[in-house]
Protein backbone atom coordinates (compact mmCIF):
# COMPACT_ATOMS: atom_id res chain seq x y z
CA MET A 1 94.15 10.73 97.06
CA ARG A 2 96.90 12.96 98.41
CA SER A 3 99.60 14.15 96.09
CA ALA A 4 103.15 13.18 96.93
CA ALA A 5 105.05 16.22 98.13
CA PRO A 6 107.84 16.80 100.61
CA THR A 7 106.53 16.11 104.08
CA SER A 8 107.81 17.37 107.39
CA ILE A 9 106.32 16.62 110.77
CA ALA A 10 107.23 19.08 113.47
CA GLY A 11 106.74 18.88 117.20
CA GLY A 12 103.33 20.11 118.27
CA ALA A 13 101.70 19.58 114.87
CA SER A 14 98.70 17.34 114.40
CA TRP A 15 97.25 16.02 111.14
CA ASP A 16 94.28 14.00 112.28
CA GLY A 17 92.24 14.51 115.40
CA GLY A 18 93.64 17.76 116.74
CA PRO A 19 96.15 18.42 119.51
CA GLY A 20 96.53 15.74 122.13
CA ARG A 21 94.86 13.00 120.10
CA CYS A 22 96.29 10.10 118.20
CA GLY A 23 95.24 9.72 114.61
CA LEU A 24 95.77 7.35 111.77
CA LEU A 25 96.56 8.97 108.49
CA PRO A 26 95.16 7.50 105.28
CA ARG A 27 97.29 5.14 103.27
CA PHE A 28 99.79 7.02 101.15
CA PRO A 29 99.93 5.75 97.53
CA ALA A 30 103.61 6.67 97.26
CA ALA A 31 106.40 7.72 99.52
CA VAL A 32 107.34 11.36 99.47
CA GLY A 33 110.66 12.54 98.18
CA LEU A 34 112.12 15.88 97.35
CA GLY A 35 109.60 17.04 94.79
CA ARG A 36 108.49 13.81 93.12
CA ALA A 37 106.78 10.57 94.02
CA VAL A 38 108.70 7.34 94.40
CA ALA A 39 106.66 4.18 93.78
CA ARG A 40 106.27 2.24 97.04
CA PRO A 41 103.56 0.22 98.71
CA PRO A 42 100.95 2.20 100.66
CA LEU A 43 101.82 3.16 104.23
CA ARG A 44 99.65 3.37 107.33
CA ILE A 45 100.97 6.02 109.68
CA ALA A 46 99.76 6.66 113.22
CA PHE A 47 100.45 10.10 114.67
CA PHE A 48 100.07 11.30 118.24
CA THR A 49 101.19 14.40 120.09
CA ASP A 50 100.91 16.22 123.41
CA VAL A 51 100.72 13.22 125.74
CA HIS A 52 101.87 15.39 128.68
CA ALA A 53 102.52 12.28 130.78
CA ARG A 54 102.23 12.51 134.54
CA THR A 55 101.25 10.15 137.34
CA GLU A 56 98.05 12.01 138.31
CA TYR A 57 94.55 12.18 136.83
CA GLY A 58 94.50 8.62 135.46
CA VAL A 59 97.13 9.43 132.84
CA PRO A 60 99.02 6.09 133.18
CA GLU A 61 95.81 4.20 132.35
CA ALA A 62 94.93 6.61 129.52
CA VAL A 63 98.32 6.23 127.81
CA ALA A 64 98.05 2.43 128.06
CA ARG A 65 94.67 2.67 126.28
CA ALA A 66 96.18 5.01 123.67
CA ALA A 67 98.99 2.52 122.93
CA ALA A 68 96.46 -0.31 122.57
CA ALA A 69 94.33 1.81 120.22
CA ILE A 70 97.35 2.65 118.06
CA ASN A 71 98.45 -1.01 117.96
CA ALA A 72 94.91 -2.10 116.99
CA ARG A 73 95.12 0.07 113.87
CA LYS A 74 98.24 -1.85 112.75
CA PRO A 75 100.20 1.12 111.38
CA ASP A 76 103.48 0.61 109.54
CA PHE A 77 105.07 3.14 111.85
CA VAL A 78 104.16 5.71 114.47
CA ILE A 79 105.19 9.36 114.67
CA GLY A 80 105.17 11.23 117.97
CA GLY A 81 104.85 15.00 117.68
CA GLY A 82 106.43 15.98 121.00
CA ASP A 83 105.41 16.93 124.53
CA TYR A 84 105.59 13.37 125.86
CA ILE A 85 105.88 14.68 129.44
CA THR A 86 104.42 17.75 131.08
CA ASP A 87 106.31 20.79 132.36
CA GLY A 88 109.84 19.57 131.66
CA PHE A 89 110.95 23.00 130.47
CA GLN A 90 110.52 24.62 133.87
CA SER A 91 111.22 21.54 136.03
CA SER A 92 114.39 19.85 137.25
CA ALA A 93 115.37 16.41 136.01
CA ALA A 94 114.46 14.87 139.38
CA ALA A 95 110.99 16.44 139.29
CA VAL A 96 110.12 14.93 135.90
CA ALA A 97 111.73 11.48 136.24
CA HIS A 98 108.40 9.81 137.16
CA ARG A 99 106.70 11.52 134.19
CA TRP A 100 109.21 9.93 131.83
CA ASP A 101 108.42 6.54 133.40
CA VAL A 102 104.73 7.00 132.53
CA TYR A 103 105.44 7.95 128.92
CA LEU A 104 108.06 5.23 128.47
CA ALA A 105 105.48 2.59 129.46
CA MET A 106 103.33 3.79 126.55
CA HIS A 107 106.33 3.96 124.22
CA ARG A 108 107.42 0.40 125.02
CA ALA A 109 103.87 -0.87 124.47
CA LEU A 110 103.79 0.40 120.87
CA ARG A 111 104.54 -2.46 118.49
CA PRO A 112 105.41 -0.57 115.27
CA PRO A 113 108.61 1.47 114.98
CA VAL A 114 108.21 4.88 116.67
CA HIS A 115 109.83 8.08 115.34
CA LEU A 116 109.87 11.07 117.67
CA ALA A 117 110.04 14.84 117.45
CA ILE A 118 111.00 16.71 120.60
CA GLY A 119 108.53 19.16 122.09
CA ASN A 120 109.11 22.14 124.35
CA HIS A 121 107.87 20.18 127.42
CA ASP A 122 110.49 17.48 126.66
CA LEU A 123 113.32 19.98 127.12
CA VAL A 124 114.18 19.30 130.75
CA ALA A 125 115.43 21.99 133.13
CA ALA A 126 115.76 24.72 130.54
CA ARG A 127 114.52 27.25 133.10
CA PRO A 128 113.74 25.44 136.38
CA GLU A 129 111.30 27.28 138.60
CA ASP A 130 112.51 25.49 141.77
CA GLY A 131 115.78 27.42 141.89
CA SER A 132 117.92 24.54 140.66
CA PRO A 133 120.49 25.39 137.99
CA PRO A 134 119.38 25.13 134.36
CA SER A 135 120.64 22.23 132.31
CA ALA A 136 123.58 22.90 130.02
CA ASP A 137 121.63 20.93 127.38
CA PRO A 138 117.87 20.58 127.99
CA ARG A 139 117.69 17.99 125.17
CA ALA A 140 120.06 15.58 126.90
CA ILE A 141 117.47 13.56 128.84
CA PHE A 142 115.25 13.18 125.77
CA ARG A 143 118.21 11.93 123.72
CA GLU A 144 119.29 9.60 126.54
CA LYS A 145 115.81 8.09 127.03
CA PHE A 146 115.53 7.21 123.33
CA GLY A 147 119.19 6.53 122.48
CA LEU A 148 119.38 9.44 120.03
CA GLU A 149 122.43 11.44 119.02
CA ARG A 150 120.30 14.38 117.86
CA THR A 151 116.70 15.53 118.10
CA TYR A 152 115.88 15.47 114.39
CA SER A 153 115.81 12.57 111.98
CA SER A 154 114.54 11.21 108.71
CA PHE A 155 113.79 7.69 107.60
CA ASP A 156 113.10 5.66 104.46
CA ALA A 157 109.44 6.63 104.13
CA GLY A 158 110.58 10.10 103.03
CA VAL A 159 109.62 11.77 106.30
CA ILE A 160 111.69 14.37 108.12
CA ILE A 161 111.17 14.75 111.86
CA SER A 162 112.14 18.10 113.36
CA SER A 163 110.91 20.54 115.96
CA SER A 164 109.21 23.83 115.19
CA SER A 165 108.97 24.57 118.88
CA ILE A 166 112.39 26.00 119.62
CA PRO A 167 112.05 27.70 123.00
CA CYS A 168 113.19 31.23 123.56
CA ARG A 169 112.54 33.86 126.15
CA SER A 170 110.92 37.18 125.35
CA ARG A 171 112.95 40.01 126.88
CA ARG A 172 109.92 42.28 126.82
CA THR A 173 107.41 39.95 128.51
CA ARG A 174 109.82 37.50 130.19
CA SER A 175 107.66 34.62 129.05
CA SER A 176 108.53 31.49 127.12
CA THR A 177 107.45 31.30 123.52
CA THR A 178 108.61 29.69 120.31
CA ALA A 179 111.15 31.03 117.89
CA GLY A 180 109.28 29.82 114.78
CA SER A 181 111.76 29.40 111.98
CA GLY A 182 114.62 30.66 114.15
CA ARG A 183 117.22 28.37 115.62
CA SER A 184 118.83 28.13 119.02
CA ARG A 185 121.58 26.09 120.54
CA TRP A 186 118.90 23.54 121.54
CA SER A 187 117.76 22.74 118.01
CA GLY A 188 120.41 20.12 117.16
């Protein structure tokens, strides 16, 4: 049995099955709170991450199978760990529109409530490689697609959803990386 402790799920993390796989966590005997257990019925939580949706390579069929597998487990809710589309960070909004369509088909097929963390691939047009101008807010499309005011949340099961994958650019190597515990203007 797991002890009840504060729980945070961050984009890119995976508890069961490794990156890019969906997993069902064991039933929790109590909800988690800030430091102490609160008596509640057990929860079944499904977690998936790194879908990297695209139209190629049979991905539309694979995400449909993933949604069916998650639904078959009958979780109380589902948590997505980010990276629902591929290459949003360096692509324009127009270039990734069809990728969002693929992921949204999976999202709509999930029967339980779905709670999402944003991943670095879900930040659209942060640094487009096609020469188009960068987005003033790379989180905007993600928030629009899911009707969210911000990219972090919490809900009654005592879970906090946030992103640990805050993109930044290394001046020395000129490559994208993560800022770890740092914050940027994209983290809200």
